[in-house]
N, C-alpha and C. Protein backbone atom coordinates (compact mmCIF):
# COMPACT_ATOMS: atom_id res chain seq x y z
N UNK A 1 70.63 -3.14 -22.13
CA UNK A 1 69.24 -3.57 -22.06
C UNK A 1 68.38 -2.39 -21.61
N UNK A 2 67.24 -2.18 -22.28
CA UNK A 2 66.35 -1.08 -21.96
C UNK A 2 65.48 -1.43 -20.76
N UNK A 3 65.37 -0.50 -19.84
CA UNK A 3 64.47 -0.70 -18.71
C UNK A 3 63.05 -0.44 -19.18
N UNK A 4 62.05 -0.98 -18.48
CA UNK A 4 60.65 -0.72 -18.88
C UNK A 4 60.31 0.77 -18.93
N UNK A 5 60.85 1.56 -18.00
CA UNK A 5 60.57 2.99 -18.00
C UNK A 5 61.15 3.65 -19.24
N UNK A 6 62.39 3.33 -19.57
CA UNK A 6 63.04 3.91 -20.74
C UNK A 6 62.32 3.47 -22.02
N UNK A 7 61.93 2.20 -22.08
CA UNK A 7 61.20 1.70 -23.24
C UNK A 7 59.86 2.42 -23.40
N UNK A 8 59.16 2.63 -22.29
CA UNK A 8 57.90 3.35 -22.33
C UNK A 8 58.07 4.78 -22.81
N UNK A 9 59.10 5.46 -22.34
CA UNK A 9 59.37 6.83 -22.79
C UNK A 9 59.72 6.87 -24.28
N UNK A 10 60.48 5.88 -24.74
CA UNK A 10 60.85 5.82 -26.15
C UNK A 10 59.60 5.65 -27.02
N UNK A 11 58.70 4.78 -26.62
CA UNK A 11 57.45 4.58 -27.37
C UNK A 11 56.64 5.86 -27.36
N UNK A 12 56.55 6.53 -26.22
CA UNK A 12 55.78 7.77 -26.12
C UNK A 12 56.35 8.85 -27.02
N UNK A 13 57.66 9.02 -27.02
CA UNK A 13 58.30 10.06 -27.83
C UNK A 13 58.16 9.77 -29.31
N UNK A 14 58.31 8.52 -29.72
CA UNK A 14 58.19 8.22 -31.16
C UNK A 14 56.76 8.39 -31.63
N UNK A 15 55.80 8.25 -30.75
CA UNK A 15 54.40 8.47 -31.12
C UNK A 15 54.07 9.94 -31.29
N UNK A 16 54.95 10.82 -30.85
CA UNK A 16 54.70 12.26 -30.93
C UNK A 16 55.31 12.89 -32.18
N UNK A 17 55.84 12.08 -33.07
CA UNK A 17 56.41 12.64 -34.29
C UNK A 17 55.33 13.29 -35.12
N UNK A 18 55.71 14.32 -35.88
CA UNK A 18 54.74 14.99 -36.75
C UNK A 18 54.24 14.00 -37.79
N UNK A 19 52.94 13.94 -37.92
CA UNK A 19 52.32 13.02 -38.87
C UNK A 19 52.11 13.74 -40.20
N UNK A 20 52.15 13.00 -41.31
CA UNK A 20 51.89 13.65 -42.61
C UNK A 20 50.47 14.20 -42.65
N UNK A 21 50.28 15.24 -43.46
CA UNK A 21 48.96 15.86 -43.58
C UNK A 21 47.96 14.84 -44.11
N UNK A 22 46.78 14.84 -43.52
CA UNK A 22 45.74 13.89 -43.93
C UNK A 22 45.34 14.14 -45.38
N UNK A 23 44.96 13.09 -46.04
CA UNK A 23 44.54 13.18 -47.43
C UNK A 23 43.30 14.07 -47.54
N UNK A 24 43.26 14.91 -48.54
CA UNK A 24 42.10 15.77 -48.76
C UNK A 24 41.08 15.10 -49.68
N UNK A 25 41.41 13.91 -50.17
CA UNK A 25 40.51 13.24 -51.10
C UNK A 25 39.97 11.92 -50.57
N UNK A 26 40.31 11.55 -49.36
CA UNK A 26 39.86 10.27 -48.85
C UNK A 26 39.60 10.30 -47.36
N UNK A 27 39.26 9.16 -46.83
CA UNK A 27 38.96 8.99 -45.42
C UNK A 27 40.07 8.18 -44.78
N UNK A 28 40.63 8.69 -43.70
CA UNK A 28 41.63 7.95 -42.94
C UNK A 28 41.01 7.58 -41.62
N UNK A 29 40.98 6.28 -41.31
CA UNK A 29 40.37 5.81 -40.07
C UNK A 29 41.28 4.77 -39.46
N UNK A 30 41.61 4.93 -38.19
CA UNK A 30 42.45 3.97 -37.48
C UNK A 30 41.61 3.30 -36.40
N UNK A 31 41.68 1.99 -36.33
CA UNK A 31 40.90 1.25 -35.33
C UNK A 31 41.68 0.03 -34.88
N UNK A 32 41.19 -0.58 -33.82
CA UNK A 32 41.85 -1.79 -33.32
C UNK A 32 41.43 -3.03 -34.09
N UNK A 33 40.53 -2.87 -35.03
CA UNK A 33 40.07 -3.97 -35.85
C UNK A 33 39.49 -3.44 -37.15
N UNK A 34 39.08 -4.33 -38.01
CA UNK A 34 38.53 -3.92 -39.30
C UNK A 34 37.00 -3.86 -39.21
N UNK A 35 36.38 -2.83 -39.77
CA UNK A 35 34.92 -2.79 -39.78
C UNK A 35 34.37 -3.93 -40.63
N UNK A 36 33.21 -4.45 -40.22
CA UNK A 36 32.57 -5.53 -40.98
C UNK A 36 31.86 -4.99 -42.20
N UNK A 37 31.49 -3.70 -42.15
CA UNK A 37 30.73 -3.07 -43.22
C UNK A 37 30.83 -1.56 -43.03
N UNK A 38 30.52 -0.80 -44.05
CA UNK A 38 30.39 0.64 -43.89
C UNK A 38 28.92 1.04 -43.85
N UNK A 39 28.05 0.07 -43.61
CA UNK A 39 26.63 0.32 -43.41
C UNK A 39 26.31 0.00 -41.95
N UNK A 40 26.19 1.03 -41.10
CA UNK A 40 25.99 0.77 -39.67
C UNK A 40 24.67 0.08 -39.35
N UNK A 41 23.71 0.10 -40.28
CA UNK A 41 22.41 -0.54 -40.01
C UNK A 41 22.52 -2.05 -39.88
N UNK A 42 23.53 -2.64 -40.49
CA UNK A 42 23.59 -4.09 -40.54
C UNK A 42 24.62 -4.68 -39.59
N UNK A 43 25.05 -3.92 -38.61
CA UNK A 43 26.06 -4.42 -37.70
C UNK A 43 25.80 -3.93 -36.27
N UNK A 44 26.29 -4.66 -35.31
CA UNK A 44 26.29 -4.17 -33.93
C UNK A 44 27.70 -4.19 -33.37
N UNK A 45 28.68 -4.29 -34.25
CA UNK A 45 30.09 -4.26 -33.86
C UNK A 45 30.51 -2.82 -33.57
N UNK A 46 31.13 -2.60 -32.42
CA UNK A 46 31.59 -1.26 -32.06
C UNK A 46 32.56 -0.69 -33.07
N UNK A 47 33.47 -1.52 -33.58
CA UNK A 47 34.44 -1.05 -34.58
C UNK A 47 33.72 -0.60 -35.84
N UNK A 48 32.74 -1.38 -36.28
CA UNK A 48 31.97 -1.03 -37.48
C UNK A 48 31.20 0.26 -37.26
N UNK A 49 30.56 0.39 -36.11
CA UNK A 49 29.78 1.60 -35.84
C UNK A 49 30.70 2.82 -35.75
N UNK A 50 31.85 2.68 -35.11
CA UNK A 50 32.80 3.80 -35.02
C UNK A 50 33.34 4.18 -36.39
N UNK A 51 33.59 3.18 -37.24
CA UNK A 51 34.19 3.45 -38.55
C UNK A 51 33.20 3.98 -39.56
N UNK A 52 31.90 3.68 -39.38
CA UNK A 52 30.94 4.09 -40.39
C UNK A 52 29.94 5.11 -39.88
N UNK A 53 29.29 4.84 -38.78
CA UNK A 53 28.20 5.71 -38.32
C UNK A 53 28.70 7.10 -37.99
N UNK A 54 29.79 7.21 -37.28
CA UNK A 54 30.26 8.53 -36.85
C UNK A 54 30.82 9.38 -38.00
N UNK A 55 31.77 8.88 -38.78
CA UNK A 55 32.33 9.75 -39.81
C UNK A 55 31.51 9.88 -41.08
N UNK A 56 30.61 8.94 -41.35
CA UNK A 56 29.91 8.94 -42.63
C UNK A 56 28.45 9.39 -42.58
N UNK A 57 27.82 9.30 -41.42
CA UNK A 57 26.38 9.58 -41.33
C UNK A 57 26.09 10.61 -40.26
N UNK A 58 25.16 11.50 -40.57
CA UNK A 58 24.67 12.45 -39.57
C UNK A 58 23.56 11.78 -38.77
N UNK A 59 23.44 12.17 -37.51
CA UNK A 59 22.41 11.63 -36.63
C UNK A 59 21.44 12.73 -36.23
N UNK A 60 20.26 12.33 -35.77
CA UNK A 60 19.27 13.31 -35.31
C UNK A 60 19.79 14.07 -34.10
N UNK A 61 20.37 13.35 -33.16
CA UNK A 61 20.93 13.94 -31.94
C UNK A 61 22.31 13.36 -31.70
N UNK A 62 23.13 14.11 -31.02
CA UNK A 62 24.45 13.63 -30.60
C UNK A 62 24.45 13.46 -29.09
N UNK A 63 25.33 12.64 -28.58
CA UNK A 63 25.52 12.49 -27.15
C UNK A 63 26.86 13.13 -26.81
N UNK A 64 26.83 14.11 -25.91
CA UNK A 64 28.07 14.76 -25.48
C UNK A 64 28.92 13.72 -24.76
N UNK A 65 30.16 13.48 -25.22
CA UNK A 65 30.98 12.43 -24.61
C UNK A 65 31.39 12.73 -23.16
N UNK A 66 31.36 13.99 -22.77
CA UNK A 66 31.76 14.34 -21.41
C UNK A 66 30.60 14.33 -20.42
N UNK A 67 29.44 14.82 -20.86
CA UNK A 67 28.29 14.94 -19.95
C UNK A 67 27.21 13.90 -20.22
N UNK A 68 27.28 13.23 -21.36
CA UNK A 68 26.26 12.28 -21.83
C UNK A 68 24.92 12.94 -22.09
N UNK A 69 24.89 14.26 -22.17
CA UNK A 69 23.67 15.00 -22.47
C UNK A 69 23.41 14.95 -23.98
N UNK A 70 22.13 14.94 -24.34
CA UNK A 70 21.77 15.00 -25.76
C UNK A 70 22.01 16.41 -26.28
N UNK A 71 22.52 16.48 -27.51
CA UNK A 71 22.81 17.77 -28.13
C UNK A 71 22.24 17.77 -29.55
N UNK A 72 21.92 18.96 -30.07
CA UNK A 72 21.36 19.04 -31.42
C UNK A 72 22.32 18.52 -32.50
N UNK A 73 21.75 17.95 -33.53
CA UNK A 73 22.51 17.55 -34.72
C UNK A 73 21.58 17.82 -35.91
N UNK A 74 21.02 16.79 -36.54
CA UNK A 74 20.03 17.04 -37.59
C UNK A 74 18.74 17.58 -36.99
N UNK A 75 18.47 17.21 -35.76
CA UNK A 75 17.34 17.80 -35.02
C UNK A 75 17.90 18.95 -34.19
N UNK A 76 17.35 20.12 -34.40
CA UNK A 76 17.86 21.30 -33.67
C UNK A 76 17.16 21.49 -32.34
N UNK A 77 15.99 20.87 -32.21
CA UNK A 77 15.21 20.99 -30.99
C UNK A 77 14.31 19.77 -30.89
N UNK A 78 13.91 19.41 -29.69
CA UNK A 78 13.03 18.27 -29.53
C UNK A 78 12.19 18.45 -28.27
N UNK A 79 11.04 17.79 -28.30
CA UNK A 79 10.11 17.85 -27.17
C UNK A 79 9.55 16.45 -26.95
N UNK A 80 9.48 16.04 -25.69
CA UNK A 80 8.91 14.73 -25.33
C UNK A 80 7.60 15.00 -24.61
N UNK A 81 6.55 14.30 -25.04
CA UNK A 81 5.23 14.49 -24.42
C UNK A 81 5.29 14.08 -22.95
N UNK A 82 4.30 14.52 -22.19
CA UNK A 82 4.25 14.22 -20.75
C UNK A 82 4.23 12.73 -20.47
N UNK A 83 3.55 11.96 -21.34
CA UNK A 83 3.50 10.51 -21.12
C UNK A 83 4.73 9.79 -21.65
N UNK A 84 5.65 10.53 -22.29
CA UNK A 84 6.90 9.95 -22.79
C UNK A 84 6.74 9.11 -24.04
N UNK A 85 5.58 9.14 -24.67
CA UNK A 85 5.33 8.28 -25.84
C UNK A 85 5.48 8.99 -27.18
N UNK A 86 5.49 10.31 -27.17
CA UNK A 86 5.59 11.06 -28.42
C UNK A 86 6.78 12.01 -28.38
N UNK A 87 7.60 11.91 -29.39
CA UNK A 87 8.77 12.78 -29.53
C UNK A 87 8.55 13.67 -30.75
N UNK A 88 8.67 14.96 -30.56
CA UNK A 88 8.53 15.91 -31.66
C UNK A 88 9.89 16.55 -31.89
N UNK A 89 10.40 16.40 -33.11
CA UNK A 89 11.72 16.92 -33.45
C UNK A 89 11.60 18.06 -34.44
N UNK A 90 12.37 19.09 -34.24
CA UNK A 90 12.50 20.17 -35.23
C UNK A 90 13.78 19.88 -36.00
N UNK A 91 13.64 19.73 -37.32
CA UNK A 91 14.80 19.34 -38.13
C UNK A 91 15.54 20.56 -38.66
N UNK A 92 16.84 20.41 -38.76
CA UNK A 92 17.69 21.47 -39.31
C UNK A 92 17.31 21.70 -40.76
N UNK A 93 17.23 22.92 -41.17
CA UNK A 93 16.85 23.29 -42.54
C UNK A 93 18.09 23.35 -43.44
N UNK A 94 17.88 23.07 -44.71
CA UNK A 94 18.93 23.24 -45.70
C UNK A 94 19.99 22.16 -45.74
N UNK A 95 19.74 21.01 -45.11
CA UNK A 95 20.72 19.92 -45.12
C UNK A 95 20.63 19.22 -46.47
N UNK A 96 21.76 19.13 -47.16
CA UNK A 96 21.78 18.50 -48.48
C UNK A 96 22.41 17.11 -48.40
N UNK A 97 22.07 16.29 -49.36
CA UNK A 97 22.64 14.95 -49.47
C UNK A 97 23.89 15.02 -50.33
N UNK A 98 24.73 14.00 -50.20
CA UNK A 98 25.94 13.90 -51.02
C UNK A 98 25.55 13.68 -52.49
N UNK A 99 26.35 14.24 -53.37
CA UNK A 99 26.19 14.01 -54.80
C UNK A 99 27.18 12.93 -55.21
N UNK A 100 26.76 12.03 -56.06
CA UNK A 100 27.66 11.04 -56.65
C UNK A 100 27.36 10.97 -58.13
N UNK A 101 28.20 10.30 -58.90
CA UNK A 101 27.90 10.17 -60.34
C UNK A 101 26.56 9.48 -60.59
N UNK A 102 26.11 8.61 -59.67
CA UNK A 102 24.87 7.88 -59.87
C UNK A 102 23.71 8.40 -59.02
N UNK A 103 23.94 9.44 -58.21
CA UNK A 103 22.86 9.99 -57.38
C UNK A 103 22.95 11.51 -57.34
N UNK A 104 21.92 12.14 -57.85
CA UNK A 104 21.82 13.60 -57.83
C UNK A 104 20.59 13.97 -57.01
N UNK A 105 20.77 14.42 -55.77
CA UNK A 105 19.60 14.75 -54.95
C UNK A 105 18.79 15.89 -55.56
N UNK A 106 17.48 15.78 -55.39
CA UNK A 106 16.58 16.80 -55.96
C UNK A 106 15.94 17.67 -54.88
N UNK A 107 16.24 17.37 -53.60
CA UNK A 107 15.65 18.13 -52.50
C UNK A 107 16.56 18.04 -51.28
N UNK A 108 16.23 18.80 -50.26
CA UNK A 108 17.00 18.76 -49.02
C UNK A 108 16.35 17.77 -48.05
N UNK A 109 17.06 17.42 -47.01
CA UNK A 109 16.62 16.53 -45.95
C UNK A 109 15.32 17.03 -45.33
N UNK A 110 14.40 16.08 -45.06
CA UNK A 110 13.15 16.45 -44.38
C UNK A 110 12.63 15.26 -43.56
N UNK A 111 11.45 15.42 -42.97
CA UNK A 111 10.88 14.40 -42.10
C UNK A 111 10.65 13.07 -42.81
N UNK A 112 10.38 13.11 -44.12
CA UNK A 112 10.19 11.87 -44.87
C UNK A 112 11.42 10.97 -44.78
N UNK A 113 12.60 11.57 -44.72
CA UNK A 113 13.84 10.80 -44.64
C UNK A 113 13.96 10.11 -43.29
N UNK A 114 13.54 10.78 -42.23
CA UNK A 114 13.57 10.18 -40.90
C UNK A 114 12.59 9.00 -40.85
N UNK A 115 11.38 9.21 -41.36
CA UNK A 115 10.38 8.15 -41.38
C UNK A 115 10.89 6.97 -42.21
N UNK A 116 11.49 7.25 -43.36
CA UNK A 116 12.04 6.20 -44.22
C UNK A 116 13.06 5.35 -43.47
N UNK A 117 13.96 6.00 -42.76
CA UNK A 117 15.03 5.29 -42.05
C UNK A 117 14.47 4.29 -41.04
N UNK A 118 13.46 4.71 -40.30
CA UNK A 118 12.87 3.81 -39.31
C UNK A 118 11.93 2.80 -39.95
N UNK A 119 11.16 3.21 -40.94
CA UNK A 119 10.19 2.32 -41.58
C UNK A 119 10.88 1.14 -42.27
N UNK A 120 12.00 1.39 -42.91
CA UNK A 120 12.66 0.28 -43.62
C UNK A 120 13.19 -0.77 -42.66
N UNK A 121 13.46 -0.39 -41.43
CA UNK A 121 13.92 -1.35 -40.44
C UNK A 121 12.74 -2.06 -39.75
N UNK A 122 11.68 -1.32 -39.49
CA UNK A 122 10.52 -1.86 -38.78
C UNK A 122 9.62 -2.74 -39.64
N UNK A 123 9.39 -2.33 -40.87
CA UNK A 123 8.38 -2.96 -41.73
C UNK A 123 9.04 -3.96 -42.69
N UNK A 124 8.79 -5.23 -42.45
CA UNK A 124 9.40 -6.26 -43.31
C UNK A 124 8.87 -6.20 -44.74
N UNK A 125 7.75 -5.53 -44.96
CA UNK A 125 7.19 -5.37 -46.31
C UNK A 125 7.71 -4.11 -47.01
N UNK A 126 8.49 -3.29 -46.30
CA UNK A 126 9.03 -2.07 -46.91
C UNK A 126 9.93 -2.45 -48.08
N UNK A 127 9.84 -1.73 -49.21
CA UNK A 127 10.64 -2.10 -50.39
C UNK A 127 12.15 -2.11 -50.15
N UNK A 128 12.63 -1.40 -49.14
CA UNK A 128 14.07 -1.36 -48.88
C UNK A 128 14.46 -2.12 -47.61
N UNK A 129 13.54 -2.89 -47.04
CA UNK A 129 13.85 -3.63 -45.81
C UNK A 129 14.96 -4.66 -46.03
N UNK A 130 14.94 -5.33 -47.16
CA UNK A 130 15.91 -6.41 -47.39
C UNK A 130 17.22 -5.96 -48.01
N UNK A 131 17.40 -4.65 -48.20
CA UNK A 131 18.68 -4.16 -48.70
C UNK A 131 19.75 -4.53 -47.66
N UNK A 132 20.86 -5.04 -48.10
CA UNK A 132 21.94 -5.49 -47.23
C UNK A 132 21.51 -6.65 -46.33
N UNK A 133 20.57 -7.44 -46.78
CA UNK A 133 20.18 -8.63 -46.04
C UNK A 133 18.97 -8.48 -45.13
N UNK A 134 18.53 -7.26 -44.88
CA UNK A 134 17.34 -7.05 -44.07
C UNK A 134 17.51 -7.37 -42.59
N UNK A 135 18.72 -7.44 -42.13
CA UNK A 135 18.98 -7.72 -40.71
C UNK A 135 19.53 -6.45 -40.07
N UNK A 136 18.92 -6.01 -38.99
CA UNK A 136 19.33 -4.77 -38.33
C UNK A 136 19.63 -5.06 -36.86
N UNK A 137 20.76 -5.70 -36.57
CA UNK A 137 21.03 -6.17 -35.22
C UNK A 137 21.12 -5.07 -34.16
N UNK A 138 21.68 -3.94 -34.48
CA UNK A 138 21.79 -2.86 -33.49
C UNK A 138 20.40 -2.31 -33.16
N UNK A 139 19.60 -2.08 -34.16
CA UNK A 139 18.24 -1.57 -34.01
C UNK A 139 17.42 -2.50 -33.10
N UNK A 140 17.50 -3.82 -33.38
CA UNK A 140 16.72 -4.77 -32.60
C UNK A 140 17.32 -5.03 -31.22
N UNK A 141 18.65 -4.99 -31.11
CA UNK A 141 19.27 -5.23 -29.80
C UNK A 141 18.93 -4.12 -28.81
N UNK A 142 18.64 -2.93 -29.31
CA UNK A 142 18.21 -1.82 -28.45
C UNK A 142 16.71 -1.87 -28.16
N UNK A 143 16.02 -2.81 -28.79
CA UNK A 143 14.58 -2.93 -28.60
C UNK A 143 13.78 -1.84 -29.28
N UNK A 144 14.37 -1.18 -30.29
CA UNK A 144 13.67 -0.10 -30.96
C UNK A 144 12.42 -0.61 -31.68
N UNK A 145 12.44 -1.86 -32.13
CA UNK A 145 11.26 -2.41 -32.79
C UNK A 145 10.07 -2.49 -31.84
N UNK A 146 10.33 -2.57 -30.53
CA UNK A 146 9.25 -2.62 -29.53
C UNK A 146 8.88 -1.23 -29.02
N UNK A 147 9.77 -0.27 -29.21
CA UNK A 147 9.54 1.08 -28.69
C UNK A 147 8.87 2.03 -29.67
N UNK A 148 9.07 1.78 -30.95
CA UNK A 148 8.60 2.72 -31.98
C UNK A 148 7.30 2.22 -32.59
N UNK A 149 6.33 3.13 -32.64
CA UNK A 149 5.05 2.81 -33.28
C UNK A 149 4.81 3.77 -34.42
């Protein structure tokens, strides 16, 4: 009969086996559950956000997991006004969008894309508000609809 210590060591050692090389043509994601969607706008599930938002989408700023400090991402620099109501972001230049058989980007990322992302969530009359059902639980649970003007 295996003792708990021996069983624990056995599990630890078998987990250290060399893993096969990751696929160069696909995405490999391991989680404790299945994502509800690969569109992070329509979910507030941690598994969904981890599976979609982090590996598939770039963000304006990143949060350092060790210090919790904001770090540059699509925004290379930012300034907050003295009253805390206006945020000015400097966007990274030359960021391109993915190409697909049905989408050929004609320009690089710019401020219009940032405005679009927030406007489609805030404005119920926006032509893309109802894409994927028009429900943005994470956006609203953070109160962004009350914070952004």
